[in-house]
C-alpha cells in the first residue's frame, strides 16, 4: 500500500492543487455595487409602456377524451388463466 502511494504521490499532489483552485473560484468576490444605475418610476414605465398581446386563433381546438380500446377475447388463440375443471377440483 505504501509503495503504491509513493508511486502515485505526484498525481495526488496535482489533484489536491486542482481542488484548492476550485475552492478559490467558488468563493464569491465582493463586487462594487455602487456603480449600478438607480432606476426611477419614469424609466420603469417607459420600458413597460407597450404591451404585446398574443395572437388570436381562428378557432380553438376542442379536446375530446380518447376512447379506450376494448379488449376482445380471441377465441381461437385465447388461453384462460384458470383450469377448465377448476370448480370440480376445488372440492
N, C-alpha and C. Protein backbone atom coordinates (compact mmCIF):
# COMPACT_ATOMS: atom_id res chain seq x y z
N UNK A 1 0.82 -1.19 0.00
CA UNK A 1 0.00 0.00 0.00
C UNK A 1 0.87 1.25 0.00
N UNK A 2 1.93 1.23 0.79
CA UNK A 2 2.81 2.39 0.87
C UNK A 2 3.55 2.60 -0.45
N UNK A 3 3.90 1.51 -1.10
CA UNK A 3 4.63 1.64 -2.36
C UNK A 3 3.74 2.24 -3.45
N UNK A 4 2.48 1.84 -3.48
CA UNK A 4 1.59 2.40 -4.49
C UNK A 4 1.31 3.87 -4.19
N UNK A 5 1.22 4.24 -2.92
CA UNK A 5 1.00 5.64 -2.57
C UNK A 5 2.21 6.48 -2.97
N UNK A 6 3.41 5.95 -2.79
CA UNK A 6 4.61 6.67 -3.19
C UNK A 6 4.66 6.83 -4.71
N UNK A 7 4.25 5.81 -5.43
CA UNK A 7 4.30 5.88 -6.89
C UNK A 7 3.26 6.86 -7.44
N UNK A 8 2.16 7.05 -6.72
CA UNK A 8 1.10 7.95 -7.18
C UNK A 8 1.12 9.29 -6.45
N UNK A 9 2.17 9.59 -5.75
CA UNK A 9 2.23 10.80 -4.94
C UNK A 9 2.12 12.06 -5.80
N UNK A 10 2.74 12.07 -6.97
CA UNK A 10 2.68 13.24 -7.84
C UNK A 10 1.24 13.49 -8.31
N UNK A 11 0.51 12.43 -8.64
CA UNK A 11 -0.88 12.57 -9.06
C UNK A 11 -1.76 13.05 -7.92
N UNK A 12 -1.48 12.61 -6.71
CA UNK A 12 -2.24 13.05 -5.54
C UNK A 12 -2.03 14.54 -5.32
N UNK A 13 -0.80 15.02 -5.45
CA UNK A 13 -0.50 16.44 -5.26
C UNK A 13 -1.20 17.28 -6.33
N UNK A 14 -1.20 16.81 -7.57
CA UNK A 14 -1.89 17.53 -8.64
C UNK A 14 -3.38 17.62 -8.36
N UNK A 15 -3.94 16.55 -7.87
CA UNK A 15 -5.37 16.54 -7.56
C UNK A 15 -5.70 17.52 -6.43
N UNK A 16 -4.86 17.55 -5.40
CA UNK A 16 -5.08 18.48 -4.28
C UNK A 16 -4.96 19.92 -4.73
N UNK A 17 -4.03 20.21 -5.66
CA UNK A 17 -3.89 21.56 -6.19
C UNK A 17 -5.12 21.97 -6.98
N UNK A 18 -5.66 21.04 -7.77
CA UNK A 18 -6.88 21.34 -8.53
C UNK A 18 -8.05 21.63 -7.61
N UNK A 19 -8.17 20.86 -6.52
CA UNK A 19 -9.24 21.11 -5.56
C UNK A 19 -9.09 22.48 -4.91
N UNK A 20 -7.89 22.87 -4.60
CA UNK A 20 -7.65 24.18 -3.98
C UNK A 20 -8.04 25.30 -4.95
N UNK A 21 -7.70 25.14 -6.23
CA UNK A 21 -8.07 26.14 -7.23
C UNK A 21 -9.58 26.25 -7.39
N UNK A 22 -10.26 25.12 -7.36
CA UNK A 22 -11.72 25.12 -7.49
C UNK A 22 -12.37 25.80 -6.30
N UNK A 23 -11.84 25.59 -5.10
CA UNK A 23 -12.40 26.23 -3.92
C UNK A 23 -12.20 27.74 -3.98
N UNK A 24 -11.08 28.19 -4.53
CA UNK A 24 -10.85 29.62 -4.65
C UNK A 24 -11.80 30.24 -5.66
N UNK A 25 -12.13 29.52 -6.72
CA UNK A 25 -13.07 30.03 -7.72
C UNK A 25 -14.48 30.09 -7.18
N UNK A 26 -14.84 29.18 -6.28
CA UNK A 26 -16.19 29.16 -5.74
C UNK A 26 -16.45 30.27 -4.74
N UNK A 27 -15.42 30.80 -4.13
CA UNK A 27 -15.60 31.87 -3.15
C UNK A 27 -16.00 33.13 -3.92
N UNK A 28 -17.19 33.68 -3.64
CA UNK A 28 -17.64 34.84 -4.39
C UNK A 28 -16.83 36.08 -4.02
N UNK A 29 -16.47 36.82 -5.03
CA UNK A 29 -15.74 38.05 -4.81
C UNK A 29 -16.74 39.18 -4.60
N UNK A 30 -16.42 40.08 -3.72
CA UNK A 30 -17.31 41.21 -3.46
C UNK A 30 -17.17 42.21 -4.60
N UNK A 31 -18.28 42.48 -5.24
CA UNK A 31 -18.27 43.41 -6.36
C UNK A 31 -18.72 44.78 -5.87
N UNK A 32 -18.26 45.77 -6.53
CA UNK A 32 -18.63 47.12 -6.18
C UNK A 32 -20.03 47.40 -6.73
N UNK A 33 -21.03 47.49 -5.85
CA UNK A 33 -22.42 47.68 -6.27
C UNK A 33 -22.76 49.14 -6.43
N UNK A 34 -21.86 50.02 -6.11
CA UNK A 34 -22.17 51.45 -6.20
C UNK A 34 -22.19 51.94 -7.65
N UNK A 35 -21.67 51.19 -8.59
CA UNK A 35 -21.66 51.61 -9.99
C UNK A 35 -22.98 51.33 -10.68
N UNK A 36 -23.89 50.64 -10.03
CA UNK A 36 -25.18 50.34 -10.66
C UNK A 36 -26.03 51.60 -10.72
N UNK A 37 -26.70 51.78 -11.84
CA UNK A 37 -27.57 52.94 -12.00
C UNK A 37 -28.89 52.68 -11.29
N UNK A 38 -29.38 53.68 -10.62
CA UNK A 38 -30.65 53.58 -9.91
C UNK A 38 -31.75 53.99 -10.88
N UNK A 39 -32.75 53.14 -11.02
CA UNK A 39 -33.85 53.45 -11.93
C UNK A 39 -34.98 54.08 -11.15
N UNK A 40 -35.69 54.98 -11.79
CA UNK A 40 -36.83 55.61 -11.15
C UNK A 40 -38.11 55.15 -11.84
N UNK A 41 -39.23 55.67 -11.41
CA UNK A 41 -40.53 55.23 -11.94
C UNK A 41 -40.68 55.54 -13.42
N UNK A 42 -40.13 56.65 -13.89
CA UNK A 42 -40.26 57.01 -15.31
C UNK A 42 -39.56 56.00 -16.20
N UNK A 43 -38.39 55.56 -15.78
CA UNK A 43 -37.66 54.57 -16.57
C UNK A 43 -38.43 53.25 -16.64
N UNK A 44 -38.99 52.86 -15.52
CA UNK A 44 -39.73 51.60 -15.47
C UNK A 44 -40.98 51.68 -16.32
N UNK A 45 -41.73 52.78 -16.23
CA UNK A 45 -42.95 52.93 -17.03
C UNK A 45 -42.62 53.03 -18.51
N UNK A 46 -41.50 53.66 -18.85
CA UNK A 46 -41.11 53.76 -20.25
C UNK A 46 -40.73 52.42 -20.84
N UNK A 47 -40.13 51.57 -20.04
CA UNK A 47 -39.71 50.26 -20.53
C UNK A 47 -40.89 49.33 -20.73
N UNK A 48 -41.91 49.47 -19.89
CA UNK A 48 -43.05 48.57 -19.97
C UNK A 48 -44.31 49.26 -20.47
N UNK A 49 -44.16 50.32 -21.25
CA UNK A 49 -45.33 51.06 -21.71
C UNK A 49 -46.08 50.31 -22.80
N UNK A 50 -45.39 49.62 -23.67
CA UNK A 50 -46.06 48.89 -24.74
C UNK A 50 -46.28 47.44 -24.31
N UNK A 51 -47.51 46.99 -24.45
CA UNK A 51 -47.86 45.63 -24.09
C UNK A 51 -48.14 44.86 -25.37
N UNK A 52 -47.48 43.76 -25.56
CA UNK A 52 -47.66 42.94 -26.75
C UNK A 52 -48.64 41.83 -26.41
N UNK A 53 -49.72 41.78 -27.18
CA UNK A 53 -50.73 40.76 -26.93
C UNK A 53 -50.48 39.55 -27.81
N UNK A 54 -50.96 38.42 -27.37
CA UNK A 54 -50.79 37.19 -28.12
C UNK A 54 -51.70 37.15 -29.33
N UNK A 55 -51.40 36.23 -30.25
CA UNK A 55 -52.21 36.07 -31.44
C UNK A 55 -53.53 35.40 -31.08
N UNK A 56 -54.57 35.80 -31.77
CA UNK A 56 -55.87 35.18 -31.56
C UNK A 56 -56.04 34.10 -32.61
N UNK A 57 -56.38 32.95 -32.18
CA UNK A 57 -56.59 31.85 -33.12
C UNK A 57 -58.01 31.93 -33.67
N UNK A 58 -58.16 31.45 -34.88
CA UNK A 58 -59.48 31.46 -35.50
C UNK A 58 -60.43 30.56 -34.73
N UNK A 59 -59.99 29.40 -34.40
CA UNK A 59 -60.83 28.50 -33.61
C UNK A 59 -59.94 27.70 -32.68
N UNK A 60 -60.36 27.61 -31.47
CA UNK A 60 -59.60 26.83 -30.50
C UNK A 60 -59.91 25.36 -30.69
N UNK A 61 -58.92 24.52 -30.70
CA UNK A 61 -59.18 23.09 -30.88
C UNK A 61 -59.85 22.52 -29.63
N UNK A 62 -60.86 21.73 -29.86
CA UNK A 62 -61.55 21.09 -28.74
C UNK A 62 -60.94 19.72 -28.53
N UNK A 63 -60.63 19.44 -27.30
CA UNK A 63 -60.02 18.14 -27.00
C UNK A 63 -61.09 17.18 -26.51
N UNK A 64 -61.28 16.13 -27.27
CA UNK A 64 -62.23 15.11 -26.87
C UNK A 64 -61.48 14.01 -26.14
N UNK A 65 -62.11 13.43 -25.14
CA UNK A 65 -61.41 12.35 -24.43
C UNK A 65 -61.17 11.17 -25.37
N UNK A 66 -60.01 10.58 -25.23
CA UNK A 66 -59.66 9.45 -26.08
C UNK A 66 -60.45 8.23 -25.66
N UNK A 67 -60.91 7.50 -26.65
CA UNK A 67 -61.67 6.29 -26.38
C UNK A 67 -60.71 5.14 -26.13
N UNK A 68 -61.00 4.37 -25.11
CA UNK A 68 -60.16 3.21 -24.82
C UNK A 68 -60.57 2.06 -25.71
N UNK A 69 -59.59 1.33 -26.16
CA UNK A 69 -59.87 0.17 -27.00
C UNK A 69 -60.41 -0.96 -26.13
N UNK A 70 -61.42 -1.60 -26.64
CA UNK A 70 -61.99 -2.74 -25.92
C UNK A 70 -61.17 -3.97 -26.25
N UNK A 71 -60.83 -4.71 -25.22
CA UNK A 71 -60.09 -5.95 -25.43
C UNK A 71 -61.08 -7.09 -25.62
N UNK A 72 -61.00 -7.70 -26.75
CA UNK A 72 -61.87 -8.82 -27.04
C UNK A 72 -61.07 -10.11 -26.96
N UNK A 73 -61.73 -11.14 -26.52
CA UNK A 73 -61.08 -12.45 -26.45
C UNK A 73 -60.98 -13.02 -27.85
N UNK A 74 -59.82 -13.47 -28.17
CA UNK A 74 -59.63 -14.16 -29.44
C UNK A 74 -59.91 -15.63 -29.15
N UNK A 75 -61.07 -16.09 -29.57
CA UNK A 75 -61.49 -17.45 -29.22
C UNK A 75 -60.56 -18.52 -29.80
N UNK A 76 -59.91 -18.21 -30.87
CA UNK A 76 -59.04 -19.20 -31.49
C UNK A 76 -57.72 -19.35 -30.73
N UNK A 77 -57.16 -18.25 -30.23
CA UNK A 77 -55.85 -18.28 -29.59
C UNK A 77 -55.89 -17.96 -28.10
N UNK A 78 -57.07 -17.87 -27.49
CA UNK A 78 -57.18 -17.48 -26.09
C UNK A 78 -56.81 -18.64 -25.17
N UNK A 79 -55.94 -18.36 -24.20
CA UNK A 79 -55.57 -19.36 -23.20
C UNK A 79 -56.04 -18.82 -21.85
N UNK A 80 -57.01 -19.47 -21.22
CA UNK A 80 -57.50 -18.96 -19.94
C UNK A 80 -56.47 -19.14 -18.84
N UNK A 81 -56.56 -18.29 -17.81
CA UNK A 81 -55.62 -18.35 -16.70
C UNK A 81 -56.01 -19.40 -15.66
N UNK A 82 -57.17 -19.95 -15.79
CA UNK A 82 -57.62 -20.97 -14.85
C UNK A 82 -57.85 -22.29 -15.59
N UNK A 83 -57.80 -23.36 -14.87
CA UNK A 83 -58.02 -24.68 -15.46
C UNK A 83 -59.50 -24.83 -15.80
N UNK A 84 -59.82 -25.58 -16.86
CA UNK A 84 -61.24 -25.74 -17.21
C UNK A 84 -62.03 -26.52 -16.16
N UNK A 85 -61.38 -27.38 -15.38
CA UNK A 85 -62.10 -28.13 -14.36
C UNK A 85 -61.79 -27.57 -12.96
N UNK A 86 -61.65 -26.28 -12.87
CA UNK A 86 -61.30 -25.62 -11.61
C UNK A 86 -62.37 -25.86 -10.53
N UNK A 87 -63.63 -25.80 -10.92
CA UNK A 87 -64.72 -25.93 -9.95
C UNK A 87 -64.79 -27.34 -9.35
N UNK A 88 -64.50 -28.33 -10.17
CA UNK A 88 -64.56 -29.69 -9.65
C UNK A 88 -63.35 -29.99 -8.77
N UNK A 89 -62.20 -29.37 -9.04
CA UNK A 89 -61.02 -29.61 -8.24
C UNK A 89 -61.05 -28.87 -6.91
N UNK A 90 -61.85 -27.82 -6.82
CA UNK A 90 -61.94 -27.05 -5.57
C UNK A 90 -62.59 -27.89 -4.47
N UNK A 91 -63.42 -28.76 -4.82
CA UNK A 91 -63.95 -29.63 -3.79
C UNK A 91 -65.37 -29.68 -3.76
